[in-house]
Amino acid sequence: MSGTTRTTRTAFGTRTRRSAGAAGLLAAAAVLAATAAPAQAAPVPRGTVQVSVGVNGAAPDNQSQSKGISADGRYALFTSWATNLVEQPAKSARDAYVRDLRTGRTERVNLADDGSALNGFTDYAAINADGRYVAFESDAENVLPGMQVQGRTEVYVRDRRTGRTELVSGGLTSGDTDRFHASYAPSISADGRYVAFVSARTDLVPGLGADAPSLARPYTWDYNIYVTDRWTGRTRLVSLGVDGKPGDSMSLNPTISADGRTVGFTSFASNLVPAGQSPAARAATAPAAAADVEPAPGTAPALPRSAREGLAAPNLALPTTGAYYTYDVDSGRISAASLDLDGKLGFASFDATISPDGRRAVYALPEPGGSTNGHRYHLVLYVRDLRKGTVTKVSGGLPSTTSVGTSDHGSITADNRWIYFSSAADNLVAGPQHPGWEVYRQDLRTGRTERVATAPDGSFGNGSSTDPFVDAAGDAVVFGSTSGNLVAGTAGPATADAQVFARTSGHHGGDDDQGQDQGQGQDDD
């Protein structure tokens, strides 16, 4: 560890989200509160537990990946290739599951409307605040009666209370018969009403006519972001350019705020913001978009399975980073979000996200200087206050050091104080360093950083840990790990297959960690 790193905050022009900004954030908090678990529910046990567990405590027979956690910290969401997690036999290679961290019960959630297992893959899934609704994508042909297109990935929502599954991305009577017109990568609001997703379907928004997104052969990057109101059935095009046309290149990776009023997403389109603000106007940052960047393990693929494995794949060059934007549902305004400390729009990794209240963008930007695995660029994590315009460099490292390992996959608490992330950097905390990937958390008020995926005695996990998702209060975090020594009473070796774990504490630590940070959590302008 050598050299110096810049860790100051730089202010830029303040963006006013809406005239009733404070009221909007209070509404988001109210949504989270309204969807919380029943008051009589017993607390989740403290410590680290394995989430991806086979029936009767058996070891899972394949790998698993963390996908989310309910805002109340009770329900962990993950996907898995394992076939022995529930009694019902699997029909596909990868399914989505929810585990109740209080009772230890695991259920498959990517199910057909009649409750049967699906005969297709699920790569992406998201869970709402109280864990009732799970949005997922699948290329299965048996989700709903009347499905017309075989093998096309669509977005669904499963109501765990009623046991019903509904199609979100369009209707069953679609005239669009191309299976490569996929919909995928859902994100769901706290109350389950709004679902944002990626799609190349041509029939989701009436009136687009010749400007409708398509995947005309040879296949192009014409995927766009949509948001559907499940209560009204209305779908809105999010990645709509200032010229009134859909984005002229691929958009992906949507994250919707708790109240459903803000959507963050990555895009390569050049028409989303005025010409002077578009990525093409900042040629100096463009080389990083195609550079040899060290990604974090488990980074979401850019394309749905149908395009990656089908005829589309040979025609597409996979990018590694793209500009990150936010969309205000009330005004329809799109704003550039992934700014560096100098106020320039950078090309962020695909794991960028927004905070539950939609006020902060969390993204990782490429930085030159090599990496722990020989790449020319590594990723450094940032948090931007979208109202004040301030930018905080999260993973810059200890004073008088320079980070070379990638940091990514940030997940931030509802009070905007704590951020959890994956990192291979060797300068985030003092003392001996973990040799692989580790999950960290940082107090955005004090700058204090500490390890999360540790053994019960505080020693290193003996494998690598990545992909954290934290609940609203910061009381529970789920993550993936190959470590075999994270759970009390176990001391196994690192494994080849990653599994999902949850660490719960009930609070963040010392007395100074209680309550909301007045500087970070308030909506002052």
Protein backbone atom coordinates (compact mmCIF):
# COMPACT_ATOMS: atom_id res chain seq x y z
CA MET A 1 0.00 0.00 0.00
CA SER A 2 1.62 3.24 -1.09
CA GLY A 3 0.99 6.71 -2.45
CA THR A 4 -1.90 8.98 -1.55
CA THR A 5 -5.61 8.94 -2.14
CA ARG A 6 -8.21 11.69 -2.26
CA THR A 7 -11.07 11.17 0.17
CA THR A 8 -12.71 14.60 0.32
CA ARG A 9 -16.24 15.47 -0.69
CA THR A 10 -16.81 17.87 -3.54
CA ALA A 11 -20.03 19.84 -3.98
CA PHE A 12 -21.72 20.30 -7.33
CA GLY A 13 -24.93 21.93 -8.42
CA THR A 14 -27.84 20.83 -6.26
CA ARG A 15 -30.63 18.96 -7.97
CA THR A 16 -34.10 19.69 -6.62
CA ARG A 17 -35.97 16.42 -6.91
CA ARG A 18 -39.43 17.90 -6.42
CA SER A 19 -41.04 20.75 -4.54
CA ALA A 20 -42.23 18.39 -1.85
CA GLY A 21 -38.88 16.62 -1.46
CA ALA A 22 -38.99 16.23 2.30
CA ALA A 23 -42.54 14.95 2.11
CA GLY A 24 -41.43 12.43 -0.50
CA LEU A 25 -38.76 10.99 1.78
CA LEU A 26 -41.18 10.86 4.68
CA ALA A 27 -43.55 8.98 2.40
CA ALA A 28 -40.82 6.48 1.58
CA ALA A 29 -40.20 5.94 5.29
CA ALA A 30 -43.93 5.50 5.81
CA VAL A 31 -44.03 2.85 3.10
CA LEU A 32 -41.25 0.90 4.78
CA ALA A 33 -42.97 1.21 8.14
CA ALA A 34 -46.35 0.16 6.75
CA THR A 35 -44.93 -3.01 5.25
CA ALA A 36 -42.88 -4.08 8.27
CA ALA A 37 -43.26 -7.51 9.84
CA PRO A 38 -45.95 -8.00 12.52
CA ALA A 39 -44.94 -6.57 15.89
CA GLN A 40 -45.39 -9.95 17.58
CA ALA A 41 -42.79 -11.67 15.39
CA ALA A 42 -39.87 -13.03 17.39
CA PRO A 43 -36.51 -11.43 16.61
CA VAL A 44 -34.10 -13.02 14.18
CA PRO A 45 -31.33 -14.86 16.06
CA ARG A 46 -28.04 -12.96 16.21
CA GLY A 47 -24.79 -14.13 14.67
CA THR A 48 -24.00 -15.67 11.29
CA VAL A 49 -26.13 -18.47 9.88
CA GLN A 50 -26.08 -20.26 6.55
CA VAL A 51 -29.13 -19.35 4.48
CA SER A 52 -28.77 -21.83 1.61
CA VAL A 53 -29.34 -25.07 3.52
CA GLY A 54 -30.67 -28.37 2.21
CA VAL A 55 -33.71 -30.21 3.54
CA ASN A 56 -33.20 -31.42 7.13
CA GLY A 57 -29.95 -29.46 7.34
CA ALA A 58 -28.22 -31.27 4.49
CA ALA A 59 -25.40 -29.58 2.65
CA PRO A 60 -26.66 -28.01 -0.61
CA ASP A 61 -25.61 -29.95 -3.68
CA ASN A 62 -24.69 -26.87 -5.75
CA GLN A 63 -23.88 -23.18 -5.48
CA SER A 64 -26.13 -20.29 -4.44
CA GLN A 65 -26.07 -16.49 -4.81
CA SER A 66 -27.54 -13.77 -2.58
CA LYS A 67 -30.21 -11.57 -4.19
CA GLY A 68 -31.74 -9.46 -1.43
CA ILE A 69 -33.29 -9.15 2.00
CA SER A 70 -36.62 -7.76 3.16
CA ALA A 71 -36.51 -4.32 4.78
CA ASP A 72 -37.41 -5.81 8.17
CA GLY A 73 -34.45 -8.20 7.95
CA ARG A 74 -36.53 -11.34 8.29
CA TYR A 75 -36.55 -12.82 4.78
CA ALA A 76 -33.43 -13.60 2.76
CA LEU A 77 -33.74 -13.97 -1.02
CA PHE A 78 -31.30 -16.02 -3.07
CA THR A 79 -30.99 -18.07 -6.24
CA SER A 80 -29.45 -21.50 -6.39
CA TRP A 81 -28.48 -24.35 -8.67
CA ALA A 82 -28.94 -26.74 -5.74
CA THR A 83 -31.71 -29.34 -6.08
CA ASN A 84 -32.14 -30.30 -2.42
CA LEU A 85 -33.22 -27.05 -0.72
CA VAL A 86 -36.94 -27.87 -0.61
CA GLU A 87 -39.02 -31.04 -0.86
CA GLN A 88 -40.58 -30.20 -4.23
CA PRO A 89 -38.30 -31.49 -7.01
CA ALA A 90 -36.67 -28.89 -9.22
CA LYS A 91 -37.42 -28.80 -12.94
CA SER A 92 -34.79 -26.24 -13.93
CA ALA A 93 -31.13 -25.63 -13.22
CA ARG A 94 -31.57 -22.39 -11.25
CA ASP A 95 -34.41 -21.29 -8.99
CA ALA A 96 -35.19 -18.48 -6.53
CA TYR A 97 -35.76 -19.09 -2.83
CA VAL A 98 -36.80 -17.18 0.29
CA ARG A 99 -35.62 -18.26 3.72
CA ASP A 100 -37.33 -17.05 6.87
CA LEU A 101 -34.40 -16.19 9.13
CA ARG A 102 -36.63 -16.42 12.21
CA THR A 103 -38.10 -19.87 11.61
CA GLY A 104 -35.49 -21.37 9.29
CA ARG A 105 -38.10 -22.28 6.68
CA THR A 106 -37.03 -22.19 3.01
CA GLU A 107 -39.49 -21.96 0.10
CA ARG A 108 -39.07 -21.85 -3.65
CA VAL A 109 -40.65 -18.63 -4.94
CA ASN A 110 -40.25 -18.73 -8.73
CA LEU A 111 -43.36 -20.85 -9.11
CA ALA A 112 -46.15 -21.18 -11.65
CA ASP A 113 -49.53 -19.72 -10.76
CA ASP A 114 -50.73 -23.21 -9.85
CA GLY A 115 -47.79 -23.64 -7.46
CA SER A 116 -45.82 -26.08 -9.59
CA ALA A 117 -42.08 -25.81 -10.22
CA LEU A 118 -40.97 -24.00 -13.36
CA ASN A 119 -39.23 -25.60 -16.33
CA GLY A 120 -36.95 -22.62 -16.97
CA PHE A 121 -34.13 -20.55 -15.45
CA THR A 122 -34.41 -17.66 -13.01
CA ASP A 123 -31.31 -15.45 -12.89
CA TYR A 124 -32.73 -12.27 -11.34
CA ALA A 125 -35.08 -11.75 -8.40
CA ALA A 126 -36.05 -8.97 -5.97
CA ILE A 127 -38.05 -8.88 -2.72
CA ASN A 128 -40.27 -6.14 -1.30
CA ALA A 129 -40.08 -4.59 2.15
CA ASP A 130 -42.11 -7.09 4.17
CA GLY A 131 -41.18 -10.10 2.04
CA ARG A 132 -44.70 -10.73 0.75
CA TYR A 133 -43.87 -10.12 -2.92
CA VAL A 134 -40.97 -11.50 -4.94
CA ALA A 135 -40.37 -10.26 -8.49
CA PHE A 136 -38.49 -12.69 -10.69
CA GLU A 137 -37.72 -13.35 -14.31
CA SER A 138 -37.96 -16.70 -16.01
CA ASP A 139 -37.81 -18.24 -19.46
CA ALA A 140 -40.13 -21.05 -18.33
CA GLU A 141 -43.10 -21.98 -20.50
CA ASN A 142 -45.40 -23.12 -17.69
CA VAL A 143 -45.72 -20.00 -15.52
CA LEU A 144 -49.24 -19.09 -16.59
CA PRO A 145 -51.91 -20.74 -18.75
CA GLY A 146 -51.97 -19.31 -22.25
CA MET A 147 -48.29 -18.42 -22.57
CA GLN A 148 -47.73 -18.00 -26.30
CA VAL A 149 -43.97 -17.60 -26.71
CA GLN A 150 -41.76 -20.52 -25.82
CA GLY A 151 -38.48 -19.73 -24.10
CA ARG A 152 -38.88 -15.94 -23.86
CA THR A 153 -37.82 -14.45 -20.54
CA GLU A 154 -40.55 -12.41 -18.84
CA VAL A 155 -40.95 -10.69 -15.46
CA TYR A 156 -43.41 -12.01 -12.87
CA VAL A 157 -44.44 -11.25 -9.29
CA ARG A 158 -45.18 -14.00 -6.80
CA ASP A 159 -47.51 -13.17 -3.88
CA ARG A 160 -46.27 -15.40 -1.08
CA ARG A 161 -49.41 -14.74 0.95
CA THR A 162 -51.99 -15.73 -1.67
CA GLY A 163 -49.81 -18.15 -3.62
CA ARG A 164 -50.56 -16.43 -6.94
CA THR A 165 -48.10 -15.52 -9.71
CA GLU A 166 -48.80 -12.72 -12.18
CA LEU A 167 -47.13 -11.54 -15.37
CA VAL A 168 -45.79 -7.99 -15.10
CA SER A 169 -43.98 -7.44 -18.41
CA GLY A 170 -46.89 -7.14 -20.82
CA GLY A 171 -49.86 -9.35 -21.59
CA LEU A 172 -50.43 -12.95 -22.60
CA THR A 173 -52.10 -11.86 -25.85
CA SER A 174 -49.00 -10.13 -27.16
CA GLY A 175 -48.47 -10.10 -30.90
CA ASP A 176 -44.73 -9.95 -30.31
CA THR A 177 -43.55 -13.50 -30.94
CA ASP A 178 -39.75 -13.13 -30.93
CA ARG A 179 -38.29 -14.97 -27.95
CA PHE A 180 -35.26 -12.68 -27.96
CA HIS A 181 -37.51 -9.75 -27.00
CA ALA A 182 -36.83 -10.59 -23.37
CA SER A 183 -37.81 -8.85 -20.13
CA TYR A 184 -35.62 -9.37 -17.08
CA ALA A 185 -33.77 -7.85 -14.04
CA PRO A 186 -36.77 -6.71 -11.93
CA SER A 187 -36.66 -4.36 -8.94
CA ILE A 188 -39.74 -3.91 -6.73
CA SER A 189 -40.97 -1.05 -4.53
CA ALA A 190 -41.48 -1.46 -0.79
CA ASP A 191 -45.22 -2.05 -1.02
CA GLY A 192 -44.92 -4.28 -4.10
CA ARG A 193 -46.91 -1.91 -6.28
CA TYR A 194 -44.21 -0.81 -8.74
CA VAL A 195 -41.82 -3.07 -10.63
CA ALA A 196 -38.96 -1.72 -12.75
CA PHE A 197 -37.33 -4.02 -15.30
CA VAL A 198 -35.35 -4.26 -18.53
CA SER A 199 -37.11 -5.25 -21.74
CA ALA A 200 -36.72 -5.40 -25.50
CA ARG A 201 -40.43 -6.07 -26.06
CA THR A 202 -42.03 -3.86 -28.69
CA ASP A 203 -45.55 -3.74 -27.26
CA LEU A 204 -45.26 -2.53 -23.67
CA VAL A 205 -46.07 1.15 -24.22
CA PRO A 206 -48.76 2.07 -26.79
CA GLY A 207 -48.08 4.85 -29.25
CA LEU A 208 -44.35 4.44 -29.79
CA GLY A 209 -44.97 3.14 -33.30
CA ALA A 210 -41.84 3.03 -35.44
CA ASP A 211 -39.79 4.24 -32.47
CA ALA A 212 -40.63 1.15 -30.41
CA PRO A 213 -37.52 -0.63 -29.11
CA SER A 214 -36.70 -3.78 -31.01
CA LEU A 215 -34.03 -6.38 -31.53
CA ALA A 216 -33.99 -6.29 -35.31
CA ARG A 217 -31.47 -8.73 -36.72
CA PRO A 218 -28.55 -8.49 -36.52
CA TYR A 219 -29.27 -8.03 -32.84
CA THR A 220 -28.48 -4.66 -31.30
CA TRP A 221 -28.41 -3.18 -27.81
CA ASP A 222 -32.00 -1.91 -27.92
CA TYR A 223 -33.02 -2.86 -24.40
CA ASN A 224 -34.87 -0.22 -22.37
CA ILE A 225 -36.05 0.33 -18.81
CA TYR A 226 -39.75 0.21 -17.92
CA VAL A 227 -41.76 0.54 -14.71
CA THR A 228 -45.16 -1.08 -14.26
CA ASP A 229 -47.81 -0.06 -11.73
CA ARG A 230 -49.33 -3.40 -10.70
CA TRP A 231 -52.41 -1.68 -9.26
CA THR A 232 -53.37 0.12 -12.46
CA GLY A 233 -51.64 -2.06 -15.02
CA ARG A 234 -49.93 0.95 -16.59
CA THR A 235 -46.38 0.56 -17.91
CA ARG A 236 -44.13 3.55 -18.46
CA LEU A 237 -40.95 3.82 -20.52
CA VAL A 238 -38.20 5.08 -18.20
CA SER A 239 -35.27 5.31 -20.63
CA LEU A 240 -36.97 7.94 -22.78
CA GLY A 241 -34.66 10.39 -24.55
CA VAL A 242 -34.91 14.17 -24.53
CA ASP A 243 -35.89 13.83 -28.21
CA GLY A 244 -39.03 11.92 -27.22
CA LYS A 245 -37.67 8.63 -28.52
CA PRO A 246 -36.59 5.53 -26.58
CA GLY A 247 -32.95 5.29 -25.61
CA ASP A 248 -30.81 4.74 -28.70
CA SER A 249 -28.69 2.07 -27.05
CA MET A 250 -28.94 -0.46 -24.25
CA SER A 251 -30.16 0.43 -20.75
CA LEU A 252 -30.00 -2.09 -17.91
CA ASN A 253 -29.71 -2.68 -14.16
CA PRO A 254 -32.77 -0.81 -12.78
CA THR A 255 -33.23 -0.18 -9.07
CA ILE A 256 -36.46 1.38 -7.81
CA SER A 257 -36.75 3.36 -4.58
CA ALA A 258 -38.93 2.19 -1.69
CA ASP A 259 -41.72 4.61 -2.60
CA GLY A 260 -41.51 3.82 -6.32
CA ARG A 261 -40.77 7.43 -7.28
CA THR A 262 -37.14 7.11 -8.38
CA VAL A 263 -35.47 4.58 -10.69
CA GLY A 264 -31.71 4.29 -11.07
CA PHE A 265 -30.30 2.55 -14.14
CA THR A 266 -27.21 2.10 -16.31
CA SER A 267 -27.28 3.13 -19.97
CA PHE A 268 -25.17 3.45 -23.10
CA ALA A 269 -27.76 5.66 -24.82
CA SER A 270 -26.64 9.07 -26.06
CA ASN A 271 -30.08 10.76 -26.09
CA LEU A 272 -31.19 10.53 -22.46
CA VAL A 273 -29.82 13.94 -21.43
CA PRO A 274 -29.06 17.09 -23.46
CA ALA A 275 -26.20 16.73 -25.91
CA GLY A 276 -23.74 18.71 -23.80
CA GLN A 277 -24.33 16.36 -20.86
CA SER A 278 -24.25 13.06 -22.71
CA PRO A 279 -21.35 10.61 -22.28
CA ALA A 280 -20.21 11.36 -25.84
CA ALA A 281 -19.44 14.93 -24.72
CA ARG A 282 -16.90 13.62 -22.22
CA ALA A 283 -14.52 11.69 -24.44
CA ALA A 284 -11.87 11.79 -21.72
CA THR A 285 -13.85 9.30 -19.64
CA ALA A 286 -14.83 7.04 -22.53
CA PRO A 287 -11.73 4.81 -22.57
CA ALA A 288 -12.62 3.49 -19.12
CA ALA A 289 -15.84 2.04 -20.51
CA ALA A 290 -13.93 -0.47 -22.62
CA ALA A 291 -10.87 -0.82 -20.42
CA ASP A 292 -9.58 -3.96 -18.78
CA VAL A 293 -11.52 -3.47 -15.53
CA GLU A 294 -11.44 -5.98 -12.70
CA PRO A 295 -15.10 -6.83 -11.97
CA ALA A 296 -16.45 -8.01 -8.67
CA PRO A 297 -17.43 -11.70 -8.58
CA GLY A 298 -21.09 -12.27 -9.39
CA THR A 299 -21.54 -9.03 -11.33
CA ALA A 300 -24.83 -9.27 -13.20
CA PRO A 301 -24.52 -10.14 -16.90
CA ALA A 302 -25.62 -7.45 -19.34
CA LEU A 303 -27.95 -9.66 -21.33
CA PRO A 304 -30.74 -12.09 -20.46
CA ARG A 305 -30.07 -15.78 -20.85
CA SER A 306 -31.93 -16.00 -24.19
CA ALA A 307 -29.58 -13.46 -25.76
CA ARG A 308 -26.42 -14.74 -24.08
CA GLU A 309 -26.97 -18.32 -25.15
CA GLY A 310 -28.97 -17.86 -28.35
CA LEU A 311 -28.44 -16.46 -31.79
CA ALA A 312 -28.05 -12.92 -30.48
CA ALA A 313 -24.85 -13.53 -28.56
CA PRO A 314 -22.31 -13.65 -31.42
CA ASN A 315 -23.45 -10.23 -32.65
CA LEU A 316 -22.96 -8.41 -29.36
CA ALA A 317 -19.79 -7.14 -27.70
CA LEU A 318 -20.30 -7.20 -23.95
CA PRO A 319 -19.42 -3.89 -22.24
CA THR A 320 -18.17 -3.73 -18.67
CA THR A 321 -19.26 -0.25 -17.50
CA GLY A 322 -21.80 2.42 -18.45
CA ALA A 323 -23.12 5.80 -17.31
CA TYR A 324 -25.55 5.67 -14.37
CA TYR A 325 -28.72 7.77 -14.34
CA THR A 326 -31.76 8.40 -12.17
CA TYR A 327 -35.33 8.85 -13.38
CA ASP A 328 -37.90 10.90 -11.45
CA VAL A 329 -41.29 9.26 -11.98
CA ASP A 330 -43.23 12.42 -11.09
CA SER A 331 -41.49 14.72 -13.55
CA GLY A 332 -40.15 12.21 -16.08
CA ARG A 333 -36.73 13.84 -15.74
CA ILE A 334 -33.53 11.84 -16.24
CA SER A 335 -30.37 13.05 -14.52
CA ALA A 336 -26.77 11.84 -14.75
CA ALA A 337 -25.76 10.31 -11.42
CA SER A 338 -22.35 8.60 -11.63
CA LEU A 339 -20.15 11.69 -11.21
CA ASP A 340 -16.59 11.54 -9.97
CA LEU A 341 -15.02 13.89 -7.44
CA ASP A 342 -14.36 16.44 -10.20
CA GLY A 343 -17.95 16.49 -11.37
CA LYS A 344 -17.39 14.47 -14.55
CA LEU A 345 -19.81 11.75 -15.58
CA GLY A 346 -18.01 8.43 -15.17
CA PHE A 347 -18.80 4.97 -16.48
CA ALA A 348 -19.95 2.87 -13.54
CA SER A 349 -20.03 -0.88 -13.10
CA PHE A 350 -23.30 -2.76 -13.56
CA ASP A 351 -23.78 -3.14 -9.79
CA ALA A 352 -24.70 0.53 -9.31
CA THR A 353 -27.83 1.16 -7.24
CA ILE A 354 -29.78 3.81 -5.33
CA SER A 355 -30.64 4.16 -1.65
CA PRO A 356 -34.12 3.11 -0.42
CA ASP A 357 -35.26 6.74 -0.31
CA GLY A 358 -33.91 7.40 -3.81
CA ARG A 359 -31.74 10.24 -2.59
CA ARG A 360 -28.31 8.67 -3.03
CA ALA A 361 -26.66 6.86 -5.90
CA VAL A 362 -24.11 4.14 -5.11
CA TYR A 363 -21.70 3.25 -7.91
CA ALA A 364 -18.16 2.08 -8.66
CA LEU A 365 -15.96 3.90 -11.18
CA PRO A 366 -12.85 2.56 -12.92
CA GLU A 367 -9.56 3.93 -11.67
CA PRO A 368 -6.20 3.27 -13.38
CA GLY A 369 -3.19 1.80 -11.68
CA GLY A 370 -3.60 -1.94 -11.89
CA SER A 371 -5.46 -4.32 -9.65
CA THR A 372 -4.92 -7.36 -7.49
CA ASN A 373 -5.52 -9.62 -10.50
CA GLY A 374 -3.44 -7.86 -13.14
CA HIS A 375 -6.16 -5.77 -14.78
CA ARG A 376 -5.32 -2.24 -15.92
CA TYR A 377 -8.23 -0.72 -13.98
CA HIS A 378 -9.90 -1.46 -10.68
CA LEU A 379 -13.24 -0.16 -9.38
CA VAL A 380 -13.62 2.33 -6.54
CA LEU A 381 -16.96 2.82 -4.77
CA TYR A 382 -18.68 6.21 -4.48
CA VAL A 383 -21.88 7.57 -2.93
CA ARG A 384 -23.52 10.70 -4.35
CA ASP A 385 -26.17 12.74 -2.58
CA LEU A 386 -28.46 13.53 -5.50
CA ARG A 387 -30.00 16.54 -3.81
CA LYS A 388 -26.87 18.25 -2.46
CA GLY A 389 -24.62 17.06 -5.27
CA THR A 390 -21.89 15.92 -2.87
CA VAL A 391 -19.80 12.86 -3.70
CA THR A 392 -18.12 10.60 -1.13
CA LYS A 393 -15.34 8.22 -2.09
CA VAL A 394 -16.07 5.15 0.00
CA SER A 395 -13.29 2.70 -0.80
CA GLY A 396 -10.34 5.02 -1.26
CA GLY A 397 -8.50 3.34 1.59
CA LEU A 398 -6.63 4.40 4.70
CA PRO A 399 -4.78 7.73 4.73
CA SER A 400 -1.57 7.78 2.68
CA THR A 401 -2.52 4.59 0.83
CA THR A 402 -3.78 3.81 -2.65
CA SER A 403 -6.42 1.19 -3.35
CA VAL A 404 -5.74 -1.28 -6.15
CA GLY A 405 -8.35 -3.98 -5.47
CA THR A 406 -11.85 -3.54 -6.87
CA SER A 407 -14.72 -2.49 -4.59
CA ASP A 408 -18.32 -2.80 -5.76
CA HIS A 409 -21.85 -4.01 -5.04
CA GLY A 410 -22.79 -1.35 -2.49
CA SER A 411 -25.95 -1.71 -0.40
CA ILE A 412 -27.03 1.19 1.79
CA THR A 413 -29.30 1.38 4.84
CA ALA A 414 -32.56 3.36 4.82
CA ASP A 415 -31.10 6.14 6.98
CA ASN A 416 -28.24 6.53 4.46
CA ARG A 417 -25.63 6.09 7.15
CA TRP A 418 -24.14 2.61 6.59
CA ILE A 419 -22.97 1.13 3.31
CA TYR A 420 -22.06 -2.51 2.84
CA PHE A 421 -19.91 -3.59 -0.12
CA SER A 422 -17.60 -6.23 -1.59
CA SER A 423 -13.90 -5.52 -1.98
CA ALA A 424 -10.57 -7.08 -2.86
CA ALA A 425 -8.67 -3.99 -1.68
CA ASP A 426 -5.91 -4.44 0.87
CA ASN A 427 -6.01 -0.99 2.47
CA LEU A 428 -9.52 -0.47 3.84
CA VAL A 429 -8.77 -1.47 7.44
CA ALA A 430 -5.55 -1.54 9.43
CA GLY A 431 -3.64 -4.67 10.32
CA PRO A 432 -3.41 -8.03 8.54
CA GLN A 433 -5.32 -8.18 5.28
CA HIS A 434 -7.72 -10.78 3.94
CA PRO A 435 -6.13 -12.39 0.86
CA GLY A 436 -9.36 -12.56 -1.15
CA TRP A 437 -12.73 -10.87 -1.51
CA GLU A 438 -14.34 -9.64 1.68
CA VAL A 439 -17.57 -7.89 2.69
CA TYR A 440 -17.10 -4.59 4.49
CA ARG A 441 -19.32 -1.90 5.95
CA GLN A 442 -18.55 1.76 6.31
CA ASP A 443 -20.12 4.38 8.55
CA LEU A 444 -20.70 7.25 6.12
CA ARG A 445 -20.78 9.71 9.02
CA THR A 446 -17.43 8.79 10.56
CA GLY A 447 -15.70 7.00 7.68
CA ARG A 448 -15.03 3.97 9.88
CA THR A 449 -14.74 0.73 7.89
CA GLU A 450 -14.87 -2.80 9.27
CA ARG A 451 -15.08 -6.38 8.04
CA VAL A 452 -18.42 -8.19 8.05
CA ALA A 453 -17.87 -11.77 6.80
CA THR A 454 -15.70 -12.95 9.68
CA ALA A 455 -15.54 -16.09 11.78
CA PRO A 456 -17.26 -16.00 15.20
CA ASP A 457 -13.95 -15.15 16.91
CA GLY A 458 -13.37 -12.21 14.54
CA SER A 459 -10.75 -13.93 12.41
CA PHE A 460 -10.84 -14.00 8.63
CA GLY A 461 -13.25 -16.13 6.71
CA ASN A 462 -11.18 -18.82 5.01
CA GLY A 463 -12.79 -18.16 1.60
CA SER A 464 -14.06 -15.17 -0.36
CA SER A 465 -17.24 -13.23 0.44
CA THR A 466 -19.22 -10.96 -1.89
CA ASP A 467 -22.65 -9.57 -2.88
CA PRO A 468 -24.02 -8.07 0.36
CA PHE A 469 -27.62 -6.87 0.77
CA VAL A 470 -28.50 -5.01 3.97
CA ASP A 471 -31.93 -4.49 5.50
CA ALA A 472 -33.43 -1.06 6.16
CA ALA A 473 -32.07 -0.64 9.69
CA GLY A 474 -28.73 -2.36 9.17
CA ASP A 475 -29.61 -5.13 11.61
CA ALA A 476 -29.14 -7.94 9.08
CA VAL A 477 -27.05 -8.48 5.97
CA VAL A 478 -27.02 -11.41 3.54
CA PHE A 479 -24.03 -12.22 1.37
CA GLY A 480 -22.39 -15.01 -0.60
CA SER A 481 -19.25 -16.77 0.57
CA THR A 482 -17.05 -19.78 -0.07
CA SER A 483 -15.84 -19.70 3.55
CA GLY A 484 -16.41 -22.74 5.71
CA ASN A 485 -15.76 -21.14 9.11
CA LEU A 486 -18.34 -18.33 9.38
CA VAL A 487 -20.97 -20.12 11.47
CA ALA A 488 -20.42 -20.86 15.15
CA GLY A 489 -19.52 -24.50 15.70
CA THR A 490 -18.20 -25.03 12.18
CA ALA A 491 -14.59 -25.04 11.06
CA GLY A 492 -14.73 -26.51 7.59
CA PRO A 493 -12.42 -25.56 4.73
CA ALA A 494 -13.28 -23.12 1.97
CA THR A 495 -15.53 -24.61 -0.69
CA ALA A 496 -15.61 -24.38 -4.46
CA ASP A 497 -19.31 -23.51 -4.47
CA ALA A 498 -20.40 -20.23 -2.90
CA GLN A 499 -23.30 -20.38 -0.45
CA VAL A 500 -25.46 -17.66 1.09
CA PHE A 501 -25.11 -16.49 4.69
CA ALA A 502 -26.85 -13.96 6.91
CA ARG A 503 -25.26 -11.98 9.70
CA THR A 504 -27.62 -10.36 12.19
CA SER A 505 -26.79 -8.16 15.14
CA GLY A 506 -29.87 -6.20 16.16
CA HIS A 507 -27.85 -3.00 15.97
CA HIS A 508 -24.68 -1.57 14.51
CA GLY A 509 -22.44 -1.77 17.54
CA GLY A 510 -21.54 0.99 20.01
CA ASP A 511 -23.77 3.65 21.50
CA ASP A 512 -22.78 6.16 18.81
CA ASP A 513 -24.38 3.89 16.22
CA GLN A 514 -27.92 4.17 17.54
CA GLY A 515 -30.51 6.26 15.78
CA GLN A 516 -30.48 8.15 12.50
CA ASP A 517 -27.52 10.28 11.54
CA GLN A 518 -28.81 13.82 11.50
CA GLY A 519 -26.37 14.92 8.82
CA GLN A 520 -26.94 12.03 6.43
CA GLY A 521 -30.57 11.15 7.11
CA GLN A 522 -32.29 14.53 7.01
CA ASP A 523 -33.70 16.00 3.84
CA ASP A 524 -32.23 19.44 4.24
CA ASP A 525 -31.69 21.38 1.04
